[in-house]
Every structure is written in C-alpha cells, then in structure tokens.
Amino acid sequence: MNNTMTQRVSAHKDRLAVAGFAVEIAGMNKWYGDFHVLRDINLTVRLGERIVICGPSGSGKSTMIRCINRLEEHQSGTIVVDGIELTSDLKKIEEVRREVGMVFQHFNLFPHLTILQNCMLAPVWVRKVPEKQARDLAMHFLEKVRIPDQAHKYPGQLSGGQQQRVAIARALCMKPRVMLFDEPTSALDPEMIKEVLDTMIALAEEGMTMLCVTHEMGFAQAVADRVIFMDQGQIVEENGPKAFFSAPQSERTRAFLGQILGH
C-alpha cells in the first residue's frame, strides 16, 4: 500500500472513531410463519463505515438489510436508523426511507421514463425539490457514475451495467445518509461487474455509509471496514477484511471462503 493510500485509510479510521451510529440493531428476530429467518441479530454501523455482508444463499443477508428500511418487518428487537427507531409508525418509516438509499439486484427502473426522469422522480415527489434543481441534481449524479450522455435514453436502451449505475445515481439523488446494496452485481454479465464495482468503490472513498450484500470478495478486501459472515439467520463472524480472509475463526466461515475463493 502506497503512502497516499495509507494516509487515506488512517484518516478514514480517525473519522470513524468519532462518528456517531448510522444503524443500530439489537436482539432483532424475524420469522416467516414458523421459519425463523433472522436470529438475535446485533449490529452497529458507524457513520461513514463500509460493511460487506456475505454468506451462503438463504442465510438471511438480504432479509437483514431489507429490515433496515422496513421493506421487511422484524418481529422482535430494535432497529434504529440515523437516530429513528423503526416501528409500525408510518411517519417514522417514511423518515427513515428518505435517509436510506437502496440498490437492488434487479435495477427496478421505470421503463417508460427516461434515465433523467427516473433520477428526478423521488427528489421532486418525496423531497419536494423544484424541477430545475432536481434536473441539475440528477445530472450531477449521472456524471458521478459516468453516464451523463445516457440521460435522455430509456432503460431498455442501456446495458445491464449502465442500468445498475443509473440505479445507484437514482438512489444518490435523494442524498441518503446510508446506502444499502443487495447483491448489486449478481444479475450482471462478468464484463459489466467491474464498472458497477468501480462506481461503488468511488462512493466508498467519499465516505458514504454502506452496507453491501455481495459475493465479490475482491470488493470486500478493497473497501470494507468490516466483513460480516452470516449463516442460518445468524451473524457467525465479523472482522476487519485482513483478519477475516487470512484467519477466519469459525469452521463455517472457513468452509464458505474455501468454496467461494477456491482454496
């Protein structure tokens, strides 16, 4: 690691040390009928922290982050996002969703709207941003994800990687305090994955609070402050990326890494 990178990492760690909490989850449980999908989840995420969540299919990773903006409802325990506890109170749910951006596995863009219109929609309707300001905001974030030239096209005219970058820009247009990524590259062709990961790395370097469910272990090693391994609805292990990959503590973690990294 060169000196500039070392200084940036050190400065980032200093900022985290004094930052408040973006997300606090305590004793959280969730069931689907009789199926206990999340078991006693405890997790705190500092403002500006980058968390990568990995684990086998069906381990509860996506369900956990969907609980953070109440796309899924938890049955016990507490979830506090940016100081607001998530309950069944619709006003509080709306407050949290204004501050939490989410990028899904599938892009969920409106096919009948242009890229620019997709990005302007939420700021205009949810944040009541004037239309000209929303247009300027949308163009700013389309430039940030390096596709301003696609603004007047429709989603169907773009590649999968471009559509996912639009989805990231659209989420950023709400100026969220926390970004959730739910396997954002898993529906992409291999040659498109790098362009999306590069966009996410640039966001991380700007200090965005991120929770990302992914199997992209290179991304985890490059970006994460902590890597969390889940299995059977539980957080089995969490550690900094260096220790997580070089000396996993749990046999389940070692088996998973052996499968995914091929050793």
Protein backbone atom coordinates (compact mmCIF):
# COMPACT_ATOMS: atom_id res chain seq x y z
CA MET A 1 0.00 0.00 0.00
CA ASN A 2 1.48 3.38 -1.02
CA ASN A 3 1.85 6.34 1.36
CA THR A 4 -1.14 8.25 -0.04
CA MET A 5 -3.41 5.23 0.35
CA THR A 6 -2.10 4.56 3.86
CA GLN A 7 -2.82 8.19 4.84
CA ARG A 8 -6.36 7.98 3.42
CA VAL A 9 -7.07 4.74 5.29
CA SER A 10 -5.70 6.23 8.51
CA ALA A 11 -7.78 9.41 8.10
CA HIS A 12 -10.88 7.30 7.41
CA LYS A 13 -10.31 5.28 10.61
CA ASP A 14 -9.89 8.50 12.59
CA ARG A 15 -13.22 9.80 11.26
CA LEU A 16 -14.96 6.53 12.18
CA ALA A 17 -13.60 6.71 15.72
CA VAL A 18 -15.50 9.94 16.39
CA ALA A 19 -18.56 9.27 14.18
CA GLY A 20 -21.99 8.54 15.58
CA PHE A 21 -24.01 5.47 14.69
CA ALA A 22 -25.88 5.28 11.39
CA VAL A 23 -27.53 1.92 12.17
CA GLU A 24 -28.05 0.13 15.50
CA ILE A 25 -29.67 -3.31 15.57
CA ALA A 26 -30.19 -5.08 18.90
CA GLY A 27 -31.70 -8.52 19.54
CA MET A 28 -33.55 -8.48 16.21
CA ASN A 29 -35.56 -11.54 15.18
CA LYS A 30 -37.73 -12.24 12.17
CA TRP A 31 -39.95 -15.14 11.19
CA TYR A 32 -41.75 -16.14 8.01
CA GLY A 33 -44.56 -18.15 9.59
CA ASP A 34 -42.74 -20.90 11.52
CA PHE A 35 -39.42 -20.28 9.75
CA HIS A 36 -37.02 -18.31 11.99
CA VAL A 37 -35.18 -16.40 9.26
CA LEU A 38 -33.15 -13.97 11.45
CA ARG A 39 -31.94 -14.94 14.93
CA ASP A 40 -30.81 -12.43 17.56
CA ILE A 41 -29.08 -10.02 15.18
CA ASN A 42 -26.86 -7.44 16.89
CA LEU A 43 -25.04 -4.94 14.69
CA THR A 44 -23.89 -1.33 14.95
CA VAL A 45 -22.65 0.64 11.96
CA ARG A 46 -20.89 3.98 12.36
CA LEU A 47 -21.50 6.91 10.02
CA GLY A 48 -19.05 6.55 7.14
CA GLU A 49 -18.39 2.84 7.80
CA ARG A 50 -18.37 0.33 4.94
CA ILE A 51 -19.79 -3.10 5.81
CA VAL A 52 -19.76 -6.09 3.46
CA ILE A 53 -22.17 -8.93 4.30
CA CYS A 54 -21.53 -12.36 2.82
CA GLY A 55 -22.74 -15.90 3.34
CA PRO A 56 -24.42 -18.80 1.56
CA SER A 57 -27.72 -18.41 -0.26
CA GLY A 58 -30.66 -18.37 2.17
CA SER A 59 -28.57 -17.23 5.14
CA GLY A 60 -30.70 -14.11 5.78
CA LYS A 61 -28.31 -11.48 4.36
CA SER A 62 -30.79 -9.71 2.08
CA THR A 63 -33.61 -10.01 4.61
CA MET A 64 -31.45 -8.30 7.23
CA ILE A 65 -30.65 -5.25 5.12
CA ARG A 66 -34.25 -5.04 3.86
CA CYS A 67 -35.31 -4.74 7.51
CA ILE A 68 -33.14 -1.60 7.79
CA ASN A 69 -35.56 0.39 5.61
CA ARG A 70 -38.65 -1.63 6.57
CA LEU A 71 -39.05 -3.42 3.27
CA GLU A 72 -39.24 -6.39 5.64
CA GLU A 73 -40.79 -6.17 9.09
CA HIS A 74 -38.95 -7.57 12.10
CA GLN A 75 -40.96 -9.16 14.92
CA SER A 76 -38.73 -8.52 17.94
CA GLY A 77 -35.71 -6.48 18.95
CA THR A 78 -34.91 -2.92 17.84
CA ILE A 79 -33.61 -1.23 14.71
CA VAL A 80 -32.53 2.42 14.97
CA VAL A 81 -31.51 4.22 11.76
CA ASP A 82 -29.99 7.70 12.00
CA GLY A 83 -31.50 8.08 15.48
CA ILE A 84 -35.01 6.96 14.44
CA GLU A 85 -36.39 3.66 15.77
CA LEU A 86 -38.21 1.63 13.14
CA THR A 87 -41.66 0.63 14.36
CA SER A 88 -45.01 0.26 12.61
CA ASP A 89 -45.35 4.07 12.73
CA LEU A 90 -45.67 5.01 9.03
CA LYS A 91 -44.32 8.52 9.60
CA LYS A 92 -41.08 7.12 11.05
CA ILE A 93 -40.79 4.57 8.24
CA GLU A 94 -41.07 7.39 5.70
CA GLU A 95 -38.43 9.43 7.60
CA VAL A 96 -36.00 6.50 7.52
CA ARG A 97 -36.64 5.76 3.84
CA ARG A 98 -35.82 9.36 2.95
CA GLU A 99 -32.37 8.87 4.50
CA VAL A 100 -31.64 5.32 3.29
CA GLY A 101 -30.90 4.62 -0.38
CA MET A 102 -31.21 1.09 -1.73
CA VAL A 103 -29.83 -0.57 -4.85
CA PHE A 104 -31.31 -3.95 -5.71
CA GLN A 105 -30.11 -6.99 -7.64
CA HIS A 106 -32.51 -6.03 -10.45
CA PHE A 107 -32.47 -2.41 -11.43
CA ASN A 108 -36.17 -1.56 -10.85
CA LEU A 109 -36.05 1.42 -13.21
CA PHE A 110 -39.30 2.69 -14.71
CA PRO A 111 -39.10 1.56 -18.36
CA HIS A 112 -41.44 4.30 -19.66
CA LEU A 113 -39.35 7.14 -18.17
CA THR A 114 -36.00 8.41 -19.45
CA ILE A 115 -32.89 7.96 -17.30
CA LEU A 116 -33.11 11.63 -16.29
CA GLN A 117 -36.79 11.29 -15.35
CA ASN A 118 -36.07 8.15 -13.31
CA CYS A 119 -33.48 10.08 -11.29
CA MET A 120 -35.65 13.20 -10.83
CA LEU A 121 -38.78 11.39 -9.67
CA ALA A 122 -38.07 10.85 -5.95
CA PRO A 123 -36.48 14.26 -5.22
CA VAL A 124 -39.49 16.02 -6.82
CA TRP A 125 -42.21 13.88 -5.23
CA VAL A 126 -40.67 12.92 -1.88
CA ARG A 127 -38.32 15.79 -1.03
CA LYS A 128 -40.40 18.43 -2.94
CA VAL A 129 -37.29 19.65 -4.77
CA PRO A 130 -38.12 22.15 -7.58
CA GLU A 131 -37.95 20.54 -11.02
CA LYS A 132 -34.96 22.54 -12.32
CA GLN A 133 -32.98 21.81 -9.13
CA ALA A 134 -33.93 18.10 -9.40
CA ARG A 135 -32.72 18.06 -13.02
CA ASP A 136 -29.38 19.61 -12.04
CA LEU A 137 -29.08 17.13 -9.15
CA ALA A 138 -29.83 14.18 -11.45
CA MET A 139 -27.25 15.31 -13.99
CA HIS A 140 -24.67 15.78 -11.22
CA PHE A 141 -25.07 12.18 -10.06
CA LEU A 142 -25.25 10.78 -13.60
CA GLU A 143 -21.88 12.47 -14.15
CA LYS A 144 -20.64 10.95 -10.89
CA VAL A 145 -21.49 7.43 -12.17
CA ARG A 146 -20.01 8.38 -15.56
CA ILE A 147 -23.08 8.15 -17.81
CA PRO A 148 -24.40 11.72 -18.27
CA ASP A 149 -24.60 11.05 -22.04
CA GLN A 150 -27.35 8.45 -21.41
CA ALA A 151 -29.69 10.91 -19.65
CA HIS A 152 -32.30 11.11 -22.43
CA LYS A 153 -32.36 7.40 -23.27
CA TYR A 154 -34.76 4.84 -21.82
CA PRO A 155 -33.63 1.96 -19.55
CA GLY A 156 -34.18 -0.62 -22.29
CA GLN A 157 -31.57 1.14 -24.45
CA LEU A 158 -28.81 0.68 -21.84
CA SER A 159 -26.63 -2.31 -20.90
CA GLY A 160 -27.15 -4.03 -17.55
CA GLY A 161 -24.06 -2.37 -16.07
CA GLN A 162 -25.27 1.06 -17.21
CA GLN A 163 -28.75 0.43 -15.77
CA GLN A 164 -27.25 -0.53 -12.41
CA ARG A 165 -25.18 2.67 -12.41
CA VAL A 166 -28.40 4.60 -13.11
CA ALA A 167 -29.99 2.82 -10.13
CA ILE A 168 -27.07 3.99 -7.96
CA ALA A 169 -27.38 7.57 -9.28
CA ARG A 170 -31.14 7.50 -8.65
CA ALA A 171 -30.58 6.47 -5.03
CA LEU A 172 -27.91 9.17 -4.58
CA CYS A 173 -30.31 11.86 -5.85
CA MET A 174 -32.14 11.59 -2.51
CA LYS A 175 -28.82 12.44 -0.77
CA PRO A 176 -29.15 9.48 1.62
CA ARG A 177 -27.09 9.14 4.78
CA VAL A 178 -26.90 5.35 4.35
CA MET A 179 -26.72 3.23 1.17
CA LEU A 180 -27.83 -0.41 1.09
CA PHE A 181 -26.73 -2.67 -1.77
CA ASP A 182 -28.45 -6.03 -2.19
CA GLU A 183 -26.22 -8.16 -4.45
CA PRO A 184 -25.91 -5.31 -6.97
CA THR A 185 -23.72 -7.24 -9.42
CA SER A 186 -25.26 -10.71 -9.31
CA ALA A 187 -27.59 -10.13 -12.29
CA LEU A 188 -24.80 -8.70 -14.47
CA ASP A 189 -22.61 -10.25 -17.12
CA PRO A 190 -18.98 -10.60 -15.94
CA GLU A 191 -17.67 -7.77 -18.14
CA MET A 192 -20.23 -5.37 -16.61
CA ILE A 193 -19.44 -6.14 -12.97
CA LYS A 194 -16.24 -4.07 -12.82
CA GLU A 195 -17.92 -0.84 -13.94
CA VAL A 196 -20.50 -1.12 -11.15
CA LEU A 197 -17.91 -2.08 -8.50
CA ASP A 198 -15.71 0.85 -9.59
CA THR A 199 -18.67 3.19 -9.04
CA MET A 200 -19.25 1.72 -5.57
CA ILE A 201 -15.54 1.99 -4.68
CA ALA A 202 -15.60 5.69 -5.65
CA LEU A 203 -18.63 6.19 -3.36
CA ALA A 204 -16.88 4.40 -0.50
CA GLU A 205 -13.82 6.61 -0.90
CA GLU A 206 -16.05 9.68 -0.48
CA GLY A 207 -17.15 8.43 2.94
CA MET A 208 -20.64 7.11 2.18
CA THR A 209 -22.05 4.78 4.87
CA MET A 210 -22.57 1.49 3.05
CA LEU A 211 -23.94 -1.96 3.81
CA CYS A 212 -23.41 -4.26 0.87
CA VAL A 213 -24.57 -7.85 0.43
CA THR A 214 -22.21 -9.35 -2.14
CA HIS A 215 -20.08 -12.34 -3.13
CA GLU A 216 -17.45 -10.03 -4.66
CA MET A 217 -14.66 -10.77 -2.21
CA GLY A 218 -12.15 -8.56 -4.02
CA PHE A 219 -14.51 -5.63 -3.39
CA ALA A 220 -14.73 -6.62 0.28
CA GLN A 221 -10.94 -6.69 0.60
CA ALA A 222 -10.55 -3.33 -1.15
CA VAL A 223 -13.35 -1.36 0.51
CA ALA A 224 -14.77 -2.91 3.68
CA ASP A 225 -14.05 -1.70 7.20
CA ARG A 226 -15.70 -4.91 8.40
CA VAL A 227 -16.80 -8.12 6.73
CA ILE A 228 -19.76 -9.95 8.25
CA PHE A 229 -20.43 -13.62 7.58
CA MET A 230 -23.99 -14.90 8.02
CA ASP A 231 -25.30 -18.44 8.04
CA GLN A 232 -28.69 -19.88 9.03
CA GLY A 233 -30.05 -16.47 10.01
CA GLN A 234 -27.20 -15.56 12.37
CA ILE A 235 -24.12 -13.37 12.30
CA VAL A 236 -21.47 -16.07 12.69
CA GLU A 237 -18.37 -13.91 12.39
CA GLU A 238 -17.31 -10.31 11.80
CA ASN A 239 -13.85 -8.85 11.47
CA GLY A 240 -11.68 -6.45 9.51
CA PRO A 241 -11.04 -7.75 5.98
CA LYS A 242 -7.40 -8.70 6.56
CA ALA A 243 -8.19 -10.91 9.57
CA PHE A 244 -11.44 -12.18 8.06
CA PHE A 245 -9.75 -13.55 4.95
CA SER A 246 -6.41 -14.61 6.42
CA ALA A 247 -7.56 -16.13 9.72
CA PRO A 248 -11.30 -16.89 9.83
CA GLN A 249 -12.35 -18.04 13.29
CA SER A 250 -15.39 -20.19 12.51
CA GLU A 251 -15.38 -23.51 10.68
CA ARG A 252 -18.49 -22.37 8.78
CA THR A 253 -16.65 -19.23 7.61
CA ARG A 254 -13.61 -21.28 6.53
CA ALA A 255 -15.84 -23.67 4.55
CA PHE A 256 -17.64 -20.77 2.83
CA LEU A 257 -14.40 -19.00 1.90
CA GLY A 258 -12.97 -22.28 0.68
CA GLN A 259 -15.90 -22.64 -1.71
CA ILE A 260 -16.01 -19.06 -2.93
CA LEU A 261 -12.27 -18.44 -3.20
CA GLY A 262 -11.44 -21.95 -4.37
CA HIS A 263 -8.99 -22.91 -1.63
